[in-house]
Protein backbone atom coordinates (compact mmCIF):
# COMPACT_ATOMS: atom_id res chain seq x y z
CA MET A 1 -158.41 -11.43 -18.73
CA PRO A 2 -156.48 -13.64 -21.14
CA ALA A 3 -158.10 -16.83 -22.30
CA ALA A 4 -157.08 -20.27 -20.86
CA GLY A 5 -153.93 -21.55 -22.61
CA SER A 6 -152.94 -18.08 -23.70
CA PRO A 7 -149.24 -17.30 -22.94
CA LEU A 8 -150.57 -14.39 -20.82
CA ALA A 9 -153.09 -16.59 -18.81
CA VAL A 10 -152.70 -16.50 -15.03
CA THR A 11 -151.46 -19.71 -13.52
CA SER A 12 -153.87 -20.90 -10.84
CA VAL A 13 -153.58 -23.55 -8.13
CA ARG A 14 -156.15 -26.24 -7.57
CA PRO A 15 -157.70 -26.10 -4.11
CA GLU A 16 -157.03 -29.76 -3.52
CA ALA A 17 -153.33 -29.25 -4.15
CA GLU A 18 -150.84 -27.68 -1.78
CA PRO A 19 -150.67 -23.98 -2.75
CA GLY A 20 -147.81 -23.37 -5.30
CA ARG A 21 -146.82 -26.86 -5.64
CA ALA A 22 -146.35 -28.17 -9.29
CA ARG A 23 -144.95 -31.33 -10.80
CA ALA A 24 -141.95 -30.92 -12.93
CA ALA A 25 -142.24 -31.17 -16.68
CA PRO A 26 -139.54 -32.73 -18.86
CA ALA A 27 -137.22 -30.17 -20.10
CA GLY A 28 -133.70 -29.71 -21.28
CA GLY A 29 -131.18 -26.71 -21.19
CA SER A 30 -131.50 -26.55 -24.93
CA GLU A 31 -134.92 -24.85 -24.65
CA PHE A 32 -133.17 -21.69 -23.43
CA ALA A 33 -130.29 -21.75 -25.83
CA PRO A 34 -132.19 -20.42 -28.97
CA LEU A 35 -133.67 -17.58 -26.91
CA LEU A 36 -130.30 -16.56 -25.48
CA ARG A 37 -128.85 -16.50 -28.96
CA GLN A 38 -131.66 -14.16 -30.03
CA ILE A 39 -130.99 -11.68 -27.26
CA LYS A 40 -127.23 -11.85 -27.84
CA ASP A 41 -127.72 -11.19 -31.60
CA ALA A 42 -129.91 -8.20 -30.82
CA GLY A 43 -127.11 -6.68 -28.83
CA LEU A 44 -129.30 -6.50 -25.69
CA LEU A 45 -126.47 -7.89 -23.39
CA ARG A 46 -124.34 -4.86 -23.90
CA PRO A 47 -123.95 -2.60 -20.79
CA ARG A 48 -125.93 0.70 -20.78
CA THR A 49 -123.39 2.77 -18.97
CA GLY A 50 -124.88 6.22 -20.16
CA TYR A 51 -128.35 5.15 -18.80
CA TYR A 52 -127.10 4.08 -15.42
CA ALA A 53 -124.81 7.24 -15.17
CA LEU A 54 -127.83 9.51 -15.54
CA MET A 55 -129.93 7.36 -13.26
CA ILE A 56 -127.26 7.23 -10.49
CA GLY A 57 -126.54 11.03 -10.88
CA GLY A 58 -130.29 11.82 -10.79
CA ASN A 59 -130.87 9.72 -7.78
CA LEU A 60 -128.01 11.33 -5.93
CA LEU A 61 -129.19 14.76 -6.62
CA ALA A 62 -132.71 14.03 -5.59
CA LEU A 63 -131.50 12.57 -2.32
CA ALA A 64 -129.44 15.66 -1.77
CA ALA A 65 -132.49 17.84 -2.52
CA VAL A 66 -134.66 15.86 -0.01
CA TRP A 67 -132.03 16.08 2.80
CA ALA A 68 -131.64 19.68 2.09
CA ALA A 69 -135.37 20.16 2.61
CA VAL A 70 -135.27 18.13 5.75
CA ALA A 71 -132.57 20.48 7.08
CA LEU A 72 -134.59 23.63 5.93
CA ILE A 73 -137.97 22.54 7.35
CA GLY A 74 -136.71 20.77 10.32
CA GLY A 75 -134.64 23.62 11.30
CA GLY A 76 -137.78 25.66 11.82
CA GLY A 77 -139.12 23.03 14.23
CA SER A 78 -142.06 22.05 12.05
CA TRP A 79 -143.45 18.55 12.24
CA TRP A 80 -144.41 18.81 8.49
CA VAL A 81 -140.80 17.51 8.07
CA LEU A 82 -142.18 13.97 8.46
CA ALA A 83 -143.92 14.42 5.09
CA LEU A 84 -140.44 14.34 3.53
CA ALA A 85 -140.03 10.76 4.95
CA ALA A 86 -142.08 9.52 1.97
CA PRO A 87 -139.90 10.94 -0.92
CA ALA A 88 -136.99 9.80 1.16
CA ALA A 89 -138.36 6.34 1.30
CA VAL A 90 -138.93 6.25 -2.48
CA LEU A 91 -135.44 7.38 -3.24
CA SER A 92 -134.08 4.79 -0.87
CA ALA A 93 -135.87 2.14 -2.81
CA ARG A 94 -134.36 3.63 -5.96
CA THR A 95 -131.02 3.34 -4.35
CA ALA A 96 -131.72 -0.27 -3.63
CA PHE A 97 -132.71 -1.04 -7.21
CA ILE A 98 -129.43 0.35 -8.33
CA GLY A 99 -127.59 -1.82 -5.81
CA HIS A 100 -129.67 -4.73 -7.21
CA ASP A 101 -128.55 -4.05 -10.61
CA ALA A 102 -124.95 -3.76 -9.65
CA GLY A 103 -125.17 -7.07 -7.86
CA HIS A 104 -126.22 -8.60 -11.06
CA ARG A 105 -123.49 -6.91 -13.05
CA GLN A 106 -125.79 -4.99 -15.19
CA ILE A 107 -124.41 -1.49 -14.93
CA ALA A 108 -120.65 -1.80 -15.84
CA ALA A 109 -118.50 -4.38 -17.83
CA GLY A 110 -116.10 -5.00 -15.08
CA ALA A 111 -116.88 -6.96 -11.85
CA ARG A 112 -114.82 -4.66 -9.62
CA ALA A 113 -116.88 -1.44 -10.84
CA ASN A 114 -120.15 -3.27 -10.10
CA ARG A 115 -118.78 -4.29 -6.65
CA VAL A 116 -117.90 -0.80 -5.84
CA LEU A 117 -121.31 0.61 -6.92
CA GLY A 118 -123.04 -2.17 -4.93
CA LEU A 119 -120.99 -1.28 -1.75
CA LEU A 120 -121.66 2.50 -2.10
CA HIS A 121 -125.41 2.07 -2.78
CA GLY A 122 -126.01 -0.81 -0.45
CA ASN A 123 -123.70 -0.45 2.56
CA LEU A 124 -123.02 3.28 2.55
CA LEU A 125 -126.21 4.86 1.33
CA LEU A 126 -128.71 2.23 2.77
CA GLY A 127 -126.92 0.21 5.48
CA MET A 128 -127.85 -2.88 3.68
CA GLY A 129 -124.86 -5.24 3.10
CA ALA A 130 -124.04 -5.94 -0.57
CA GLY A 131 -122.26 -9.17 0.38
CA TRP A 132 -125.12 -10.43 2.40
CA TRP A 133 -127.69 -9.54 -0.22
CA THR A 134 -125.65 -10.85 -3.21
CA ASP A 135 -125.15 -14.26 -1.53
CA LYS A 136 -128.77 -14.62 -0.60
CA HIS A 137 -130.14 -13.26 -3.86
CA ASN A 138 -127.85 -15.40 -6.07
CA ARG A 139 -129.00 -18.53 -4.22
CA HIS A 140 -132.70 -17.41 -4.87
CA HIS A 141 -131.99 -16.92 -8.66
CA ALA A 142 -130.32 -20.41 -8.88
CA HIS A 143 -133.33 -22.19 -7.31
CA PRO A 144 -136.36 -19.90 -7.20
CA ASN A 145 -139.32 -21.11 -5.03
CA HIS A 146 -137.43 -24.40 -4.28
CA VAL A 147 -137.89 -25.16 -0.58
CA GLY A 148 -134.50 -26.11 0.87
CA LYS A 149 -132.51 -24.24 -1.76
CA ASP A 150 -134.20 -20.74 -2.15
CA PRO A 151 -133.65 -18.65 0.97
CA ASP A 152 -136.68 -16.63 0.05
CA VAL A 153 -139.00 -19.54 0.95
CA GLU A 154 -137.32 -20.66 4.19
CA VAL A 155 -139.19 -20.51 7.37
CA GLY A 156 -139.20 -17.10 8.92
CA ALA A 157 -141.84 -14.75 10.15
CA LEU A 158 -143.79 -16.05 7.20
CA VAL A 159 -144.01 -19.71 5.72
CA TRP A 160 -144.76 -20.65 2.18
CA THR A 161 -145.92 -24.32 2.38
CA ARG A 162 -148.48 -26.14 4.46
CA ALA A 163 -145.62 -28.59 5.62
CA GLN A 164 -143.96 -25.45 7.08
CA ALA A 165 -147.21 -24.19 8.52
CA THR A 166 -148.02 -27.41 10.44
CA ARG A 167 -144.71 -27.28 12.31
CA ARG A 168 -145.46 -23.85 13.75
CA ARG A 169 -146.24 -23.41 17.45
CA GLY A 170 -147.23 -20.84 19.87
CA PHE A 171 -146.90 -17.08 18.62
CA ALA A 172 -145.29 -18.39 15.25
CA ALA A 173 -148.54 -20.27 14.67
CA PHE A 174 -150.63 -17.24 15.34
CA LEU A 175 -148.57 -15.26 12.72
CA THR A 176 -148.96 -18.14 10.14
CA ARG A 177 -152.67 -18.31 10.84
CA TYR A 178 -153.14 -14.71 9.94
CA GLN A 179 -150.16 -14.10 7.76
CA ALA A 180 -152.16 -12.94 4.75
CA TRP A 181 -153.64 -10.19 6.74
CA LEU A 182 -150.33 -9.38 8.60
CA PHE A 183 -148.26 -9.36 5.47
CA PHE A 184 -148.31 -5.70 4.57
CA PRO A 185 -148.09 -4.42 8.14
CA MET A 186 -145.08 -6.70 8.59
CA LEU A 187 -143.40 -5.04 5.62
CA LEU A 188 -143.20 -1.87 7.83
CA LEU A 189 -140.42 -3.62 9.70
CA GLU A 190 -138.52 -4.75 6.63
CA GLY A 191 -136.29 -1.65 6.37
CA LEU A 192 -134.93 -2.20 9.90
CA ALA A 193 -134.68 -5.96 9.36
CA LEU A 194 -132.48 -5.57 6.32
CA LYS A 195 -130.02 -3.55 8.37
CA VAL A 196 -129.94 -6.08 11.24
CA ALA A 197 -129.45 -9.06 8.74
CA SER A 198 -126.60 -7.14 7.03
CA PHE A 199 -124.75 -6.66 10.42
CA GLN A 200 -125.40 -10.24 11.46
CA ASP A 201 -123.97 -11.47 8.14
CA LEU A 202 -120.55 -9.95 8.87
CA ARG A 203 -119.75 -13.00 10.81
CA ARG A 204 -119.78 -15.08 7.62
CA LEU A 205 -117.25 -12.70 5.97
CA SER A 206 -113.58 -12.76 6.71
CA GLY A 207 -110.55 -10.48 6.47
CA ARG A 208 -110.73 -7.50 3.98
CA ASP A 209 -114.40 -8.14 2.98
CA ARG A 210 -115.58 -7.90 6.70
CA ALA A 211 -113.53 -4.75 7.19
CA VAL A 212 -114.76 -3.08 4.07
CA GLU A 213 -118.57 -4.10 4.35
CA GLY A 214 -118.57 -3.56 8.19
CA GLY A 215 -116.80 -0.15 7.93
CA LEU A 216 -119.31 1.19 5.41
CA LEU A 217 -122.24 -0.14 7.41
CA VAL A 218 -120.93 1.72 10.52
CA ALA A 219 -120.37 4.81 8.33
CA HIS A 220 -123.87 4.63 7.31
CA VAL A 221 -125.34 4.46 10.82
CA ALA A 222 -123.10 7.16 12.03
CA GLY A 223 -123.71 9.41 9.06
CA TYR A 224 -127.48 8.87 9.14
CA THR A 225 -127.70 9.41 12.86
CA ALA A 226 -125.56 12.57 12.77
CA LEU A 227 -127.51 14.06 9.84
CA LEU A 228 -130.81 13.68 11.50
CA LEU A 229 -129.74 14.78 14.89
CA GLY A 230 -127.81 17.69 13.35
CA VAL A 231 -130.95 19.20 11.78
CA LEU A 232 -133.87 17.85 13.94
CA PRO A 233 -134.58 17.74 17.64
CA PRO A 234 -134.28 14.27 19.11
CA GLY A 235 -138.04 13.41 19.10
CA GLN A 236 -138.44 14.49 15.41
CA ALA A 237 -135.26 12.74 14.43
CA ILE A 238 -136.56 9.48 15.95
CA ALA A 239 -140.04 9.91 14.34
CA PHE A 240 -138.47 10.69 10.95
CA ALA A 241 -136.21 7.66 11.09
CA ALA A 242 -139.23 5.38 12.00
CA VAL A 243 -141.48 6.61 9.18
CA HIS A 244 -138.59 6.78 6.78
CA HIS A 245 -137.73 2.97 7.35
CA ALA A 246 -141.25 1.83 7.72
CA LEU A 247 -142.21 3.39 4.27
CA PHE A 248 -138.93 2.09 2.81
CA GLY A 249 -139.57 -1.45 3.80
CA LEU A 250 -143.17 -1.31 2.71
CA HIS A 251 -142.12 0.02 -0.86
CA LEU A 252 -139.30 -2.49 -1.21
CA GLY A 253 -141.48 -5.42 -0.09
CA CYS A 254 -144.30 -4.39 -2.35
CA SER A 255 -141.81 -4.51 -5.18
CA PHE A 256 -140.69 -8.02 -4.52
CA ALA A 257 -143.92 -9.50 -3.30
CA PRO A 258 -145.56 -9.90 -6.67
CA ASN A 259 -142.68 -11.73 -8.29
CA HIS A 260 -142.90 -15.35 -7.07
CA LYS A 261 -145.42 -15.84 -4.17
CA GLY A 262 -148.09 -18.19 -5.24
CA MET A 263 -146.32 -19.42 -8.33
CA ALA A 264 -145.06 -22.96 -9.01
CA MET A 265 -142.76 -24.58 -6.38
CA PRO A 266 -140.70 -27.38 -7.76
CA GLU A 267 -140.90 -30.72 -5.91
CA GLU A 268 -137.92 -32.42 -4.50
CA GLY A 269 -135.91 -34.05 -7.28
CA ALA A 270 -137.57 -31.97 -9.99
CA ARG A 271 -135.48 -31.79 -13.27
CA TRP A 272 -136.46 -28.56 -14.84
CA GLY A 273 -134.18 -26.81 -17.27
CA HIS A 274 -133.16 -23.18 -16.85
CA LEU A 275 -136.11 -21.86 -18.88
CA ARG A 276 -138.85 -23.69 -17.09
CA ARG A 277 -137.25 -23.20 -13.73
CA GLN A 278 -137.35 -19.46 -14.10
CA VAL A 279 -140.45 -19.00 -16.11
CA LEU A 280 -142.88 -21.35 -14.26
CA THR A 281 -141.77 -19.91 -10.76
CA SER A 282 -142.01 -16.17 -11.79
CA ARG A 283 -144.82 -13.72 -12.39
CA ASN A 284 -144.55 -10.55 -14.46
CA VAL A 285 -146.66 -7.43 -13.62
CA ARG A 286 -148.34 -5.64 -16.55
CA GLY A 287 -147.91 -1.96 -16.40
CA ASN A 288 -146.54 1.29 -17.80
CA PRO A 289 -143.55 3.62 -17.22
CA LEU A 290 -144.98 4.49 -13.76
CA THR A 291 -145.01 0.80 -12.78
CA ASP A 292 -141.52 0.38 -14.19
CA PHE A 293 -140.30 3.32 -12.03
CA PHE A 294 -141.80 2.22 -8.82
CA LEU A 295 -141.07 -1.56 -9.25
CA GLY A 296 -137.48 -0.88 -10.55
CA GLY A 297 -137.96 -3.17 -13.50
CA LEU A 298 -138.63 -6.07 -11.28
CA ASN A 299 -142.14 -6.14 -12.96
CA TYR A 300 -140.37 -7.92 -15.80
CA GLN A 301 -139.47 -10.70 -13.36
CA ILE A 302 -139.47 -13.55 -15.99
CA GLU A 303 -137.01 -11.75 -18.18
CA HIS A 304 -134.89 -10.79 -15.37
CA HIS A 305 -134.62 -14.31 -13.97
CA LEU A 306 -133.88 -15.69 -17.42
CA VAL A 307 -130.93 -13.32 -17.94
CA PRO A 308 -130.05 -11.61 -14.62
CA SER A 309 -127.23 -9.55 -16.16
CA LEU A 310 -129.55 -8.01 -18.70
CA PRO A 311 -129.52 -4.16 -18.30
CA ARG A 312 -132.80 -2.90 -16.83
CA PRO A 313 -133.85 -0.72 -19.91
CA HIS A 314 -133.54 -3.94 -22.09
CA LEU A 315 -136.10 -5.96 -20.11
CA ARG A 316 -139.00 -4.64 -21.91
CA LEU A 317 -137.30 -5.02 -25.25
CA VAL A 318 -136.64 -8.73 -24.57
CA GLN A 319 -140.23 -9.40 -23.22
CA PRO A 320 -141.75 -10.03 -26.73
CA LEU A 321 -138.89 -12.46 -27.62
CA VAL A 322 -139.49 -14.34 -24.27
CA ARG A 323 -143.28 -14.43 -24.67
CA ALA A 324 -143.00 -15.66 -28.32
CA HIS A 325 -140.53 -18.27 -27.32
CA CYS A 326 -142.74 -19.56 -24.48
CA ARG A 327 -145.56 -19.68 -26.80
CA ARG A 328 -143.76 -21.87 -29.25
CA LEU A 329 -142.73 -24.26 -26.47
CA GLY A 330 -146.07 -24.31 -24.86
CA VAL A 331 -144.75 -23.11 -21.54
CA PRO A 332 -147.10 -20.82 -19.60
CA TYR A 333 -146.09 -17.19 -19.46
CA THR A 334 -147.70 -15.57 -16.37
CA GLU A 335 -148.45 -11.94 -16.45
CA THR A 336 -151.05 -10.00 -14.40
CA GLY A 337 -151.94 -6.49 -13.28
CA LEU A 338 -150.31 -5.23 -10.06
CA ALA A 339 -153.51 -5.54 -7.86
CA ALA A 340 -154.03 -9.06 -9.19
CA SER A 341 -150.39 -10.03 -8.33
CA TYR A 342 -150.87 -8.99 -4.79
CA ALA A 343 -154.14 -10.86 -4.62
CA GLN A 344 -152.61 -14.00 -5.82
CA ALA A 345 -149.84 -13.87 -3.37
CA LEU A 346 -152.22 -13.22 -0.55
CA ARG A 347 -154.45 -16.02 -1.50
CA HIS A 348 -151.47 -18.28 -1.54
CA MET A 349 -150.43 -17.19 1.98
CA ASN A 350 -153.99 -17.51 3.31
CA ALA A 351 -154.20 -21.10 1.86
CA VAL A 352 -150.90 -22.01 3.50
CA GLY A 353 -152.15 -20.89 6.87
CA ALA A 354 -155.52 -22.65 6.38
CA PRO A 355 -154.65 -25.87 8.42
CA LEU A 356 -153.93 -23.74 11.52
CA ARG A 357 -157.33 -21.91 11.31
């Protein structure tokens, strides 16, 4: 465990304070400018088209192989076909990570190419609307962990502040009371929830965007249904879809959960500059190539939030620059192991629900 005051030290929350709340520190945008200049001078903002071409091609081939295996095993009537829902879920998460990178314009130099890649990986392959996700995710990046501005800390099935918790009634209050215990089980519904939210968001779109996004979402549902019913009996098809979506939601939720939950939440009127706003509200997950693979590079959350257009393979290269810059400024740089990150997030959710217990 890093020593107190170390740039790797874990940020903690005092029990007497509302979980996650922190007062703003004076900061200016100039704190970030020298770091951005370093990153640019190192050539790390250049697109990595070849890297992404190999990643996308490999992912599509792996998806094709899994679905071919589903057809082969399912055609024989074996319920062992359900075991293939696990690799299908992992590859679906990989597809979502590619869509995430396209939404941040990390893959190609032009906005149009990134948009097409986002639509293909989000709407067509996953049934998750690129327009819905990009709008929501950009608002999150602009104001991470800021209640009233970040959609990821809005009141939903879960709540993130005690003020939100005390307004809950009935079944919602029950969920809040035990939300730390229910968090991972509820992620099993996330895969389906993403599809529902994407269709609902079509009302926000108009004209050509609605037609394109809606058409691709319908094509996904029709294609996925036809594929399963074409190779599996109805009962097995329903069971496979349920397990696939449950594991996909769990995987995706576990990839996003360590990033901000339990970290600082700016008070209303806080005047943090870009660097402090992103660093103080984000948590990195210390890991290895396997962690990088399963979390899609989101374990470098601080670096990603500071420069969202930074290509995924450059995140680990930028990390030493960011860590050293934060050390010079005296800004806490939070990095933990994966298990510790989940523990911190769950402690925060448990503390938020404490007034209802």
